[in-house]
N, C-alpha and C. Protein backbone atom coordinates (compact mmCIF):
# COMPACT_ATOMS: atom_id res chain seq x y z
N UNK A 1 122.07 70.56 138.59
CA UNK A 1 123.39 71.74 138.39
C UNK A 1 124.07 71.86 139.69
N UNK A 2 125.26 70.97 139.94
CA UNK A 2 125.98 71.25 140.89
C UNK A 2 126.90 72.61 141.36
N UNK A 3 127.27 73.08 140.15
CA UNK A 3 128.07 74.12 140.10
C UNK A 3 127.50 75.37 139.89
N UNK A 4 127.85 76.50 140.78
CA UNK A 4 127.51 77.52 140.80
C UNK A 4 127.91 78.56 139.87
N UNK A 5 127.04 79.55 139.06
CA UNK A 5 127.40 80.40 137.91
C UNK A 5 128.47 81.29 138.67
N UNK A 6 129.28 81.45 138.00
CA UNK A 6 130.69 82.64 138.81
C UNK A 6 130.87 83.50 137.40
N UNK A 7 131.59 84.71 137.50
CA UNK A 7 131.93 85.65 136.56
C UNK A 7 132.56 84.89 135.58
N UNK A 8 133.30 83.90 135.83
CA UNK A 8 134.56 83.25 134.78
C UNK A 8 133.58 82.37 133.90
N UNK A 9 132.80 81.68 134.64
CA UNK A 9 131.75 80.82 133.62
C UNK A 9 130.99 81.72 132.60
N UNK A 10 130.55 83.18 133.19
CA UNK A 10 129.59 83.97 132.60
C UNK A 10 130.12 84.71 131.27
N UNK A 11 131.33 84.69 131.17
CA UNK A 11 132.09 85.61 130.22
C UNK A 11 132.93 84.27 129.48
N UNK A 12 132.94 82.97 129.82
CA UNK A 12 133.53 81.97 128.99
C UNK A 12 133.09 82.01 127.67
N UNK A 13 134.23 81.53 126.73
CA UNK A 13 133.51 81.28 125.41
C UNK A 13 132.63 79.74 125.39
N UNK A 14 131.83 79.93 124.38
CA UNK A 14 131.05 78.63 124.39
C UNK A 14 132.20 77.44 123.52
N UNK A 15 131.71 76.50 124.06
CA UNK A 15 132.45 75.37 123.33
C UNK A 15 132.18 75.46 121.70
N UNK A 16 133.23 74.82 121.27
CA UNK A 16 133.35 74.86 119.53
C UNK A 16 132.95 73.90 119.14
N UNK A 17 132.07 73.52 118.24
CA UNK A 17 131.41 72.51 117.57
C UNK A 17 132.49 71.67 116.85
N UNK A 18 132.11 70.34 117.48
CA UNK A 18 133.22 69.24 116.88
C UNK A 18 132.96 68.66 115.49
N UNK A 19 134.02 68.24 114.79
CA UNK A 19 134.07 68.32 113.42
C UNK A 19 133.13 66.97 113.07
N UNK A 20 132.65 65.92 114.16
CA UNK A 20 131.92 64.78 113.72
C UNK A 20 130.16 65.43 114.01
N UNK A 21 130.25 66.30 114.62
CA UNK A 21 128.57 67.03 114.65
C UNK A 21 128.48 67.86 113.20
N UNK A 22 129.52 68.58 112.80
CA UNK A 22 129.46 69.61 111.84
C UNK A 22 129.35 68.89 110.45
N UNK A 23 130.21 67.66 110.67
CA UNK A 23 129.99 66.86 109.08
C UNK A 23 129.08 66.29 109.22
N UNK A 24 128.23 65.97 109.81
CA UNK A 24 127.01 65.13 109.71
C UNK A 24 126.00 66.04 109.04
N UNK A 25 124.88 65.48 108.08
CA UNK A 25 123.71 66.13 107.20
C UNK A 25 122.82 66.90 108.40
N UNK A 26 122.01 67.27 108.24
CA UNK A 26 121.03 68.04 108.75
C UNK A 26 119.97 66.80 109.27
N UNK A 27 119.48 65.99 108.73
CA UNK A 27 118.85 64.71 108.93
C UNK A 27 119.40 64.00 110.12
N UNK A 28 120.77 63.70 109.75
CA UNK A 28 121.63 62.76 110.58
C UNK A 28 121.54 63.52 111.94
N UNK A 29 121.75 64.62 112.11
CA UNK A 29 121.95 65.47 113.44
C UNK A 29 120.67 65.49 114.01
N UNK A 30 119.48 65.60 113.38
CA UNK A 30 118.23 65.56 113.95
C UNK A 30 117.59 64.24 114.26
N UNK A 31 117.90 63.15 113.42
CA UNK A 31 117.74 61.56 113.89
C UNK A 31 118.63 61.45 115.28
N UNK A 32 120.02 61.96 115.32
CA UNK A 32 120.91 61.53 116.50
C UNK A 32 120.03 62.10 117.57
N UNK A 33 119.80 63.46 117.91
CA UNK A 33 118.99 64.13 118.86
C UNK A 33 117.73 63.39 119.57
N UNK A 34 116.72 63.16 118.24
CA UNK A 34 115.82 62.45 118.45
C UNK A 34 116.05 60.84 119.17
N UNK A 35 116.95 60.17 118.67
CA UNK A 35 117.08 58.94 119.08
C UNK A 35 117.47 59.22 120.42
N UNK A 36 118.18 60.15 120.81
CA UNK A 36 118.68 60.21 122.36
C UNK A 36 117.50 61.07 123.34
N UNK A 37 116.45 61.49 122.45
CA UNK A 37 115.30 61.85 123.16
C UNK A 37 114.43 60.67 123.80
N UNK A 38 114.67 59.89 122.93
CA UNK A 38 113.60 58.52 122.93
C UNK A 38 114.14 57.97 124.13
N UNK A 39 115.14 57.66 124.36
CA UNK A 39 115.87 56.78 125.33
C UNK A 39 115.07 57.26 126.82
N UNK A 40 114.74 58.17 127.19
CA UNK A 40 114.34 59.07 128.39
C UNK A 40 113.02 59.27 128.27
N UNK A 41 112.24 58.64 129.50
CA UNK A 41 110.54 59.07 129.53
C UNK A 41 110.56 60.35 129.62
N UNK A 42 111.28 60.97 130.26
CA UNK A 42 110.87 62.33 130.62
C UNK A 42 111.31 63.30 129.41
N UNK A 43 111.73 62.98 128.27
CA UNK A 43 112.00 63.67 127.09
C UNK A 43 111.20 63.23 125.78
N UNK A 44 110.15 62.30 126.04
CA UNK A 44 109.54 61.81 124.93
C UNK A 44 108.92 62.65 124.21
N UNK A 45 108.11 63.81 125.02
CA UNK A 45 107.13 64.41 124.53
C UNK A 45 107.73 65.60 123.79
N UNK A 46 108.99 65.68 123.61
CA UNK A 46 109.51 66.80 122.81
C UNK A 46 109.90 66.37 121.36
N UNK A 47 109.69 67.35 120.46
CA UNK A 47 109.91 67.13 118.67
C UNK A 47 111.29 67.93 118.60
N UNK A 48 112.15 67.58 117.73
CA UNK A 48 113.18 68.14 117.08
C UNK A 48 112.85 68.75 115.81
N UNK A 49 112.80 70.00 115.81
CA UNK A 49 112.49 70.73 114.69
C UNK A 49 113.81 71.22 113.84
N UNK A 50 114.76 71.25 114.74
CA UNK A 50 116.09 71.92 113.62
C UNK A 50 117.37 71.44 114.61
N UNK A 51 118.76 70.58 113.88
CA UNK A 51 119.62 70.86 114.72
C UNK A 51 120.73 71.10 113.83
N UNK A 52 120.72 72.39 114.23
CA UNK A 52 121.99 73.15 113.46
C UNK A 52 123.48 72.83 113.59
N UNK A 53 123.91 73.22 112.21
CA UNK A 53 125.49 72.84 112.42
C UNK A 53 126.44 73.67 113.79
N UNK A 54 125.80 74.35 113.82
CA UNK A 54 126.10 75.58 115.03
C UNK A 54 125.97 74.86 116.43
N UNK A 55 125.54 73.79 116.49
CA UNK A 55 125.09 73.01 117.68
C UNK A 55 123.81 73.58 118.58
N UNK A 56 122.99 74.42 117.75
CA UNK A 56 121.71 74.92 118.49
C UNK A 56 120.77 73.85 117.92
N UNK A 57 120.05 73.19 118.84
CA UNK A 57 119.09 72.50 118.60
C UNK A 57 117.62 73.15 119.21
N UNK A 58 116.71 73.13 118.22
CA UNK A 58 115.34 73.87 118.42
C UNK A 58 114.32 72.75 118.75
N UNK A 59 113.62 72.59 119.64
CA UNK A 59 112.67 71.76 120.14
C UNK A 59 111.34 72.47 120.28
N UNK A 60 110.25 71.50 119.96
CA UNK A 60 108.61 71.99 120.05
C UNK A 60 108.25 70.59 120.80
N UNK A 61 107.07 71.19 121.77
CA UNK A 61 106.50 70.26 122.49
C UNK A 61 104.78 70.91 122.73
N UNK A 62 103.94 70.15 122.69
CA UNK A 62 102.63 70.29 122.55
C UNK A 62 102.02 70.13 124.31
N UNK A 63 103.07 69.41 124.77
CA UNK A 63 102.54 69.42 126.26
C UNK A 63 102.68 70.70 127.00
N UNK A 64 101.90 71.35 127.64
CA UNK A 64 101.91 72.36 128.57
C UNK A 64 102.80 72.43 130.04
N UNK A 65 103.83 72.43 129.93
CA UNK A 65 104.96 71.91 131.11
C UNK A 65 104.82 73.23 132.03
N UNK A 66 104.49 73.31 132.89
CA UNK A 66 104.41 74.15 134.22
C UNK A 66 106.02 74.85 134.00
N UNK A 67 106.35 76.36 134.14
CA UNK A 67 107.34 76.87 134.28
C UNK A 67 108.42 76.55 135.44
N UNK A 68 107.90 76.35 136.51
CA UNK A 68 108.71 75.80 137.19
C UNK A 68 109.69 74.19 137.02
N UNK A 69 108.78 73.56 136.28
CA UNK A 69 109.49 72.26 135.94
C UNK A 69 110.13 72.44 134.31
N UNK A 70 109.68 73.32 133.51
CA UNK A 70 110.22 73.39 132.20
C UNK A 70 111.42 73.53 132.11
N UNK A 71 112.13 74.70 133.14
CA UNK A 71 113.41 75.28 133.29
C UNK A 71 114.41 74.23 133.55
N UNK A 72 114.21 73.29 134.91
CA UNK A 72 115.11 72.28 135.23
C UNK A 72 115.03 71.31 134.08
N UNK A 73 114.12 70.78 133.51
CA UNK A 73 113.74 69.91 132.69
C UNK A 73 114.81 69.96 131.48
N UNK A 74 114.80 71.39 130.82
CA UNK A 74 115.38 71.74 129.93
C UNK A 74 116.66 71.56 129.92
N UNK A 75 117.14 72.10 131.13
CA UNK A 75 118.63 71.88 131.73
C UNK A 75 119.12 70.62 131.70
N UNK A 76 118.41 69.77 132.24
CA UNK A 76 118.84 68.29 132.17
C UNK A 76 118.98 67.58 131.13
N UNK A 77 117.75 67.97 129.85
CA UNK A 77 117.95 67.56 128.82
C UNK A 77 119.28 67.96 127.95
N UNK A 78 119.53 69.17 128.07
CA UNK A 78 120.61 70.13 127.46
C UNK A 78 121.98 69.20 128.23
N UNK A 79 122.17 68.78 129.31
CA UNK A 79 123.45 68.27 129.81
C UNK A 79 123.34 66.86 129.32
N UNK A 80 122.26 66.21 129.36
CA UNK A 80 122.09 64.77 128.74
C UNK A 80 122.93 64.82 127.21
N UNK A 81 122.35 65.74 126.48
CA UNK A 81 122.90 65.79 125.24
C UNK A 81 124.28 66.26 124.88
N UNK A 82 124.57 67.15 125.85
CA UNK A 82 126.09 67.47 125.86
C UNK A 82 126.97 66.13 126.21
N UNK A 83 126.29 65.35 127.22
CA UNK A 83 127.23 64.23 127.63
C UNK A 83 127.20 63.34 126.73
N UNK A 84 126.09 62.86 125.83
CA UNK A 84 126.24 61.48 125.00
C UNK A 84 126.35 62.01 123.64
N UNK A 85 126.28 63.13 123.00
CA UNK A 85 126.10 63.16 121.66
C UNK A 85 127.42 64.56 121.32
N UNK A 86 126.97 65.71 121.77
CA UNK A 86 128.13 66.88 121.32
C UNK A 86 128.44 67.82 122.65
N UNK A 87 128.98 68.52 122.90
CA UNK A 87 129.24 68.95 124.25
C UNK A 87 128.77 70.63 124.11
N UNK A 88 129.10 70.96 122.69
CA UNK A 88 128.43 72.44 122.31
C UNK A 88 127.09 72.61 122.02
N UNK A 89 126.40 71.52 122.24
CA UNK A 89 124.77 71.45 122.08
C UNK A 89 124.13 72.61 122.92
N UNK A 90 123.13 73.45 122.38
CA UNK A 90 122.34 74.33 123.21
C UNK A 90 121.01 74.01 123.04
N UNK A 91 120.19 74.18 123.57
CA UNK A 91 118.77 73.70 123.44
C UNK A 91 117.82 74.93 123.78
N UNK A 92 117.02 75.20 122.60
CA UNK A 92 115.99 76.09 122.51
C UNK A 92 114.49 75.57 122.09
N UNK A 93 113.84 76.08 122.97
CA UNK A 93 112.17 75.70 122.82
C UNK A 93 111.76 76.82 122.12
N UNK A 94 111.03 75.91 121.31
CA UNK A 94 110.08 76.96 120.01
C UNK A 94 109.25 77.73 120.78
N UNK A 95 109.22 79.36 120.40
CA UNK A 95 108.27 80.00 121.39
C UNK A 95 106.82 79.44 121.02
N UNK A 96 105.88 79.60 121.71
CA UNK A 96 104.69 79.41 121.38
C UNK A 96 103.63 80.65 122.08
N UNK A 97 102.72 80.80 120.84
CA UNK A 97 102.07 81.94 121.00
C UNK A 97 100.70 81.66 122.34
N UNK A 98 100.33 82.59 122.81
CA UNK A 98 99.09 82.79 123.39
C UNK A 98 98.20 81.91 123.37
N UNK A 99 98.09 80.93 124.18
CA UNK A 99 96.67 80.15 123.64
C UNK A 99 95.23 80.34 124.56
N UNK A 100 95.13 81.60 125.20
CA UNK A 100 94.17 81.75 126.21
C UNK A 100 92.86 82.35 125.36
N UNK A 101 91.98 81.62 125.07
CA UNK A 101 90.59 81.83 124.25
C UNK A 101 90.41 83.54 125.10
N UNK A 102 90.43 83.71 125.97
CA UNK A 102 89.57 85.27 126.72
C UNK A 102 90.54 86.09 126.03
N UNK A 103 91.82 85.92 126.29
CA UNK A 103 92.67 87.07 125.62
C UNK A 103 92.87 87.05 124.55
N UNK A 104 92.13 86.09 123.60
CA UNK A 104 92.15 86.26 122.02
C UNK A 104 91.18 87.05 121.59
N UNK A 105 90.00 87.31 122.35
CA UNK A 105 88.80 88.34 122.26
C UNK A 105 88.90 89.36 122.36
N UNK A 106 90.12 89.97 122.85
CA UNK A 106 90.64 91.29 122.92
C UNK A 106 90.81 91.54 121.71
N UNK A 107 91.15 91.08 120.89
CA UNK A 107 91.52 91.19 119.12
C UNK A 107 90.51 91.57 118.38
N UNK A 108 89.24 91.30 118.84
CA UNK A 108 88.01 91.02 117.88
C UNK A 108 87.54 92.36 117.40
N UNK A 109 87.36 92.64 116.39
CA UNK A 109 86.77 93.85 115.85
C UNK A 109 85.59 93.83 115.33
N UNK A 110 84.72 94.36 116.15
CA UNK A 110 83.09 94.37 115.68
C UNK A 110 82.65 95.85 114.51
N UNK A 111 82.15 95.26 113.42
CA UNK A 111 81.90 96.02 112.41
C UNK A 111 80.56 96.24 112.09
N UNK A 112 80.10 97.67 112.15
CA UNK A 112 78.65 97.69 111.83
C UNK A 112 78.31 98.28 110.75
């Protein structure tokens, strides 16, 4: 991202979804995003859960991506989808619960 965030950018209205995107069925939007993901090796581990009429795309990945790599990767992915499919697309990554087995032990209740 070459452009720095300014106040004008922060308060600007989000792009409006185009008619082409809005008129597609849910399955067509998902397949469109999925085919764009398959074109680049960096994005092949993402699964499309939902591609909403409002431009919000929810993704899931089973791969553990470190936070310092995940942020720029998702920004690059969003920019790629905006340039190739629809300018109003926003990417959301499905939240993942805590996978630590040690922290899960805190919730164990011992009944006597």
